[in-house]
Amino acid sequence: MLGVGGGRIALLEVDGLISDDRRLLDDIGRFRKDGSVRGYVVAINSPGGVVGPSQSIYEELKRLRREGKPVVASIGGIGASGGYYVALGADSIFALAGSMTGSIGVIMEMPDASGLMKKIGVEMNVVKSAEHKDIGSPFRPMTPSDRAVLDSLIGDVYGQFVETVGQERHLSPERVRALADGRVLSGRQALRDGLIDRIGNLHDAIATAGRMARLGPDPRVVRPPREKFSLLDLFLGRGTDSGLAGWVKPLERAASPRLEFAVPW
């Protein structure tokens, strides 16, 4: 990939639940070393995910823009919550008329198995340094004090989301908060409300990035290299959300409290 002459647009993908930022940051790091890459398109098909990685990817896209590289986001079937947060890092956001987007908000889900444990006669002994050290534990009910702590956390991170939308979309805080009740919008509704820039597909986004990078509307596109996996890797879910890992991840997500920009379905 390195050292190829002529200008190209790099195509990045944010697909599925966002739980980690390492792969995308590695891809961008490789493209930074390629002098032929003049701009980026981020293809998003994600209902969101963990807050930290979503914010990290957004910040990295902004860094690319500060380095003088145009960045265009293209929302496919869904680019909601954390998926939309990522898109905010781009110069311009495209979506299809029927794409699902928006869902500006924060969610934290945690099971309470204490009632079940009581029925079957199982108790969990906990030794902790302070009252809230086991906050979110599935082995005890949430207390009013616990909820107050988590409400404060959610409120702070929600405020960060609202602030980012306002800054990137040039909307007033009042306007953003009117839209930031977790509602999911179609691409056409998002365009009406100022959350995206244009209705269009991935080819439209690539053409726009090409023009912004002075490569014309039909630029050459380069994709990150991908590791090859055997059938056993696929079955075991190594390096992919396929196979058995695809069944385990939803259970893991439910069992471990995480702060998320995500659509919960």
Protein backbone atom coordinates (compact mmCIF):
# COMPACT_ATOMS: atom_id res chain seq x y z
CA MET A 1 0.00 0.00 0.00
CA LEU A 2 2.78 2.44 0.86
CA GLY A 3 4.53 4.40 -1.81
CA VAL A 4 1.84 4.07 -4.49
CA GLY A 5 1.76 7.13 -6.73
CA GLY A 6 -1.32 9.30 -7.31
CA GLY A 7 -4.00 10.43 -4.92
CA ARG A 8 -6.48 8.13 -3.24
CA ILE A 9 -9.35 8.21 -0.77
CA ALA A 10 -9.11 5.82 2.19
CA LEU A 11 -12.30 3.97 3.08
CA LEU A 12 -12.74 3.21 6.77
CA GLU A 13 -15.55 1.08 8.21
CA VAL A 14 -17.37 1.31 11.52
CA ASP A 15 -19.56 -1.78 11.52
CA GLY A 16 -21.60 -3.30 14.34
CA LEU A 17 -21.37 -2.51 18.04
CA ILE A 18 -18.53 -0.17 18.92
CA SER A 19 -16.61 -1.85 21.72
CA ASP A 20 -13.01 -1.04 20.79
CA ASP A 21 -11.20 1.67 18.83
CA ARG A 22 -7.88 -0.12 18.23
CA ARG A 23 -8.55 -1.54 14.78
CA LEU A 24 -9.72 1.78 13.35
CA LEU A 25 -6.87 3.72 14.96
CA ASP A 26 -4.40 1.20 13.55
CA ASP A 27 -5.94 1.59 10.08
CA ILE A 28 -5.66 5.38 10.26
CA GLY A 29 -2.08 5.08 11.48
CA ARG A 30 -1.19 3.03 8.38
CA PHE A 31 -2.90 5.49 6.06
CA ARG A 32 -1.04 8.43 7.63
CA LYS A 33 2.18 6.84 6.38
CA ASP A 34 0.81 6.61 2.84
CA GLY A 35 1.49 9.84 0.98
CA SER A 36 -1.08 8.98 -1.67
CA VAL A 37 -4.02 9.16 0.78
CA ARG A 38 -5.58 12.60 0.40
CA GLY A 39 -8.89 12.11 2.20
CA TYR A 40 -11.12 9.70 4.09
CA VAL A 41 -14.63 8.28 3.90
CA VAL A 42 -16.06 6.58 6.99
CA ALA A 43 -18.78 4.04 6.17
CA ILE A 44 -20.94 3.65 9.28
CA ASN A 45 -23.38 0.83 9.95
CA SER A 46 -23.57 0.81 13.74
CA PRO A 47 -26.19 1.22 16.48
CA GLY A 48 -23.47 2.67 18.69
CA GLY A 49 -21.65 1.13 21.61
CA VAL A 50 -19.32 1.94 24.47
CA VAL A 51 -18.86 5.66 25.13
CA GLY A 52 -15.05 5.80 25.31
CA PRO A 53 -14.25 4.14 21.96
CA SER A 54 -17.00 6.15 20.23
CA GLN A 55 -15.46 9.39 21.52
CA SER A 56 -11.96 8.19 20.63
CA ILE A 57 -12.88 7.52 16.99
CA TYR A 58 -14.64 10.89 16.78
CA GLU A 59 -11.54 12.66 18.11
CA GLU A 60 -9.29 10.83 15.63
CA LEU A 61 -11.45 11.91 12.70
CA LYS A 62 -11.25 15.51 13.94
CA ARG A 63 -7.47 15.14 14.12
CA LEU A 64 -7.41 14.09 10.47
CA ARG A 65 -9.35 17.23 9.59
CA ARG A 66 -6.89 19.40 11.52
CA GLU A 67 -4.11 17.75 9.51
CA GLY A 68 -5.79 19.05 6.35
CA LYS A 69 -7.43 15.81 5.19
CA PRO A 70 -11.13 15.96 4.24
CA VAL A 71 -13.33 13.42 6.04
CA VAL A 72 -16.82 12.43 4.88
CA ALA A 73 -19.15 10.12 6.82
CA SER A 74 -21.65 7.83 5.09
CA ILE A 75 -24.42 6.31 7.23
CA GLY A 76 -25.82 3.09 5.76
CA GLY A 77 -28.60 1.09 7.40
CA ILE A 78 -27.97 2.58 10.84
CA GLY A 79 -25.65 5.16 12.32
CA ALA A 80 -27.31 5.92 15.63
CA SER A 81 -26.14 7.02 19.07
CA GLY A 82 -22.40 6.17 19.20
CA GLY A 83 -22.49 5.55 15.44
CA TYR A 84 -23.80 9.09 14.99
CA TYR A 85 -21.24 10.43 17.49
CA VAL A 86 -18.49 9.01 15.25
CA ALA A 87 -20.05 10.69 12.21
CA LEU A 88 -19.84 14.06 13.97
CA GLY A 89 -16.07 13.95 13.48
CA ALA A 90 -16.48 14.30 9.70
CA ASP A 91 -16.60 17.46 7.59
CA SER A 92 -19.85 16.28 6.04
CA ILE A 93 -22.41 13.58 6.91
CA PHE A 94 -24.37 11.63 4.30
CA ALA A 95 -27.25 9.26 5.06
CA LEU A 96 -29.88 7.44 3.08
CA ALA A 97 -33.44 8.72 3.33
CA GLY A 98 -34.39 5.62 5.30
CA SER A 99 -31.22 5.29 7.38
CA MET A 100 -31.76 5.13 11.14
CA THR A 101 -29.77 7.80 12.94
CA GLY A 102 -29.97 10.20 15.86
CA SER A 103 -30.72 8.42 19.16
CA ILE A 104 -28.71 11.07 21.00
CA GLY A 105 -28.42 9.88 24.57
CA VAL A 106 -26.68 7.64 27.07
CA ILE A 107 -27.74 4.32 28.53
CA MET A 108 -26.46 1.98 31.21
CA GLU A 109 -28.12 -1.39 31.73
CA MET A 110 -27.42 -3.83 34.54
CA PRO A 111 -29.28 -6.95 35.66
CA ASP A 112 -30.49 -7.53 39.23
CA ALA A 113 -30.32 -11.24 40.07
CA SER A 114 -30.67 -10.76 43.82
CA GLY A 115 -34.30 -11.95 43.86
CA LEU A 116 -33.43 -15.14 42.01
CA MET A 117 -30.45 -15.80 44.27
CA LYS A 118 -32.64 -15.40 47.32
CA LYS A 119 -35.10 -17.94 45.96
CA ILE A 120 -32.43 -20.56 45.38
CA GLY A 121 -30.65 -19.84 48.66
CA VAL A 122 -27.43 -18.35 47.31
CA GLU A 123 -25.73 -15.35 48.89
CA MET A 124 -22.75 -13.28 47.72
CA ASN A 125 -20.32 -12.13 50.39
CA VAL A 126 -18.69 -8.80 49.49
CA VAL A 127 -15.84 -7.00 51.23
CA LYS A 128 -15.47 -3.44 49.90
CA SER A 129 -13.59 -0.27 50.68
CA ALA A 130 -16.55 2.09 50.36
CA GLU A 131 -20.30 2.19 49.88
CA HIS A 132 -20.35 2.41 46.10
CA LYS A 133 -17.45 0.11 45.25
CA ASP A 134 -19.84 -2.64 44.09
CA ILE A 135 -22.27 -0.27 42.41
CA GLY A 136 -24.06 -2.03 39.56
CA SER A 137 -23.47 -5.48 41.03
CA PRO A 138 -26.09 -8.00 39.85
CA PHE A 139 -25.98 -9.58 43.31
CA ARG A 140 -27.80 -6.80 45.16
CA PRO A 141 -30.59 -4.31 44.44
CA MET A 142 -29.68 -0.77 43.47
CA THR A 143 -30.04 1.69 46.34
CA PRO A 144 -31.32 5.28 46.02
CA SER A 145 -27.76 6.45 46.74
CA ASP A 146 -26.43 4.22 43.94
CA ARG A 147 -28.96 5.65 41.51
CA ALA A 148 -28.04 9.21 42.43
CA VAL A 149 -24.37 8.49 41.64
CA LEU A 150 -25.20 6.87 38.30
CA ASP A 151 -27.70 9.61 37.41
CA SER A 152 -24.90 12.16 37.89
CA LEU A 153 -22.58 10.10 35.68
CA ILE A 154 -25.19 9.70 32.95
CA GLY A 155 -26.04 13.40 33.12
CA ASP A 156 -22.41 14.43 32.65
CA VAL A 157 -21.79 12.15 29.66
CA TYR A 158 -25.16 13.10 28.14
CA GLY A 159 -24.09 16.74 28.41
CA GLN A 160 -20.89 15.90 26.54
CA PHE A 161 -22.93 14.34 23.70
CA VAL A 162 -25.25 17.36 23.52
CA GLU A 163 -22.29 19.75 23.54
CA THR A 164 -20.54 17.85 20.73
CA VAL A 165 -23.66 17.82 18.55
CA GLY A 166 -24.15 21.55 19.12
CA GLN A 167 -20.54 22.37 18.22
CA GLU A 168 -20.30 20.17 15.14
CA ARG A 169 -23.77 20.84 13.74
CA HIS A 170 -23.89 24.55 14.73
CA LEU A 171 -27.09 24.09 16.70
CA SER A 172 -28.10 25.79 19.94
CA PRO A 173 -28.12 23.71 23.14
CA GLU A 174 -31.88 24.19 23.34
CA ARG A 175 -32.34 22.84 19.82
CA VAL A 176 -30.10 19.85 20.46
CA ARG A 177 -31.82 18.97 23.73
CA ALA A 178 -35.18 19.03 21.95
CA LEU A 179 -33.85 16.27 19.69
CA ALA A 180 -31.70 14.50 22.29
CA ASP A 181 -34.36 12.44 24.04
CA GLY A 182 -33.09 9.17 22.59
CA ARG A 183 -35.43 9.23 19.60
CA VAL A 184 -34.33 7.48 16.41
CA LEU A 185 -34.69 9.53 13.22
CA SER A 186 -34.76 8.61 9.56
CA GLY A 187 -32.11 10.14 7.32
CA ARG A 188 -34.72 12.49 5.88
CA GLN A 189 -35.82 13.62 9.35
CA ALA A 190 -32.18 14.09 10.38
CA LEU A 191 -31.60 16.29 7.32
CA ARG A 192 -34.64 18.37 8.21
CA ASP A 193 -33.38 18.82 11.78
CA GLY A 194 -29.82 19.70 10.78
CA LEU A 195 -28.15 16.53 12.07
CA ILE A 196 -26.78 15.51 8.66
CA ASP A 197 -25.78 17.42 5.52
CA ARG A 198 -27.04 15.44 2.55
CA ILE A 199 -29.10 12.45 1.46
CA GLY A 200 -26.86 10.08 -0.48
CA ASN A 201 -25.14 6.71 -0.52
CA LEU A 202 -21.53 5.62 -0.12
CA HIS A 203 -20.68 6.45 -3.75
CA ASP A 204 -21.96 10.00 -3.22
CA ALA A 205 -19.79 10.33 -0.12
CA ILE A 206 -16.71 9.06 -1.99
CA ALA A 207 -17.37 11.48 -4.85
CA THR A 208 -17.65 14.37 -2.39
CA ALA A 209 -14.44 13.38 -0.58
CA GLY A 210 -12.71 13.16 -3.97
CA ARG A 211 -13.77 16.67 -4.90
CA MET A 212 -12.74 18.02 -1.49
CA ALA A 213 -9.32 16.41 -1.92
CA ARG A 214 -9.03 17.79 -5.48
CA LEU A 215 -9.05 14.28 -6.95
CA GLY A 216 -12.32 14.64 -8.86
CA PRO A 217 -15.65 12.84 -8.37
CA ASP A 218 -14.29 9.37 -9.18
CA PRO A 219 -11.18 8.97 -7.03
CA ARG A 220 -9.28 5.76 -6.49
CA VAL A 221 -10.24 4.12 -3.20
CA VAL A 222 -7.97 2.18 -0.87
CA ARG A 223 -9.22 -0.07 1.92
CA PRO A 224 -7.35 -1.32 4.98
CA PRO A 225 -5.77 -4.77 4.66
CA ARG A 226 -7.65 -7.46 6.51
CA GLU A 227 -6.28 -10.59 8.14
CA LYS A 228 -7.38 -13.89 6.66
CA PHE A 229 -9.18 -16.31 8.94
CA SER A 230 -9.58 -20.06 8.75
CA LEU A 231 -12.92 -21.82 9.17
CA LEU A 232 -11.89 -22.66 12.73
CA ASP A 233 -11.16 -18.98 13.44
CA LEU A 234 -14.55 -18.07 12.02
CA PHE A 235 -16.33 -20.70 14.12
CA LEU A 236 -14.55 -19.62 17.30
CA GLY A 237 -15.05 -15.94 16.54
CA ARG A 238 -11.36 -15.01 16.55
CA GLY A 239 -10.96 -11.48 15.22
CA THR A 240 -14.62 -11.27 14.27
CA ASP A 241 -18.05 -11.08 15.85
CA SER A 242 -19.12 -14.16 13.90
CA GLY A 243 -19.44 -17.70 15.16
CA LEU A 244 -19.72 -18.49 18.85
CA ALA A 245 -18.45 -15.03 19.83
CA GLY A 246 -21.52 -13.51 18.22
CA TRP A 247 -23.66 -15.45 20.67
CA VAL A 248 -21.48 -14.68 23.67
CA LYS A 249 -21.13 -10.90 23.19
CA PRO A 250 -24.81 -10.01 23.93
CA LEU A 251 -24.60 -12.04 27.16
CA GLU A 252 -21.30 -10.38 28.07
CA ARG A 253 -22.84 -6.97 27.39
CA ALA A 254 -25.82 -7.70 29.67
CA ALA A 255 -23.66 -9.08 32.50
CA SER A 256 -21.16 -6.22 32.60
CA PRO A 257 -22.48 -2.68 33.26
CA ARG A 258 -21.10 -0.31 30.64
CA LEU A 259 -21.79 3.30 29.81
CA GLU A 260 -23.00 3.35 26.21
CA PHE A 261 -24.09 5.58 23.37
CA ALA A 262 -26.25 2.79 21.95
CA VAL A 263 -29.68 1.84 20.70
CA PRO A 264 -30.69 -0.99 23.08
CA TRP A 265 -32.11 -3.24 20.37
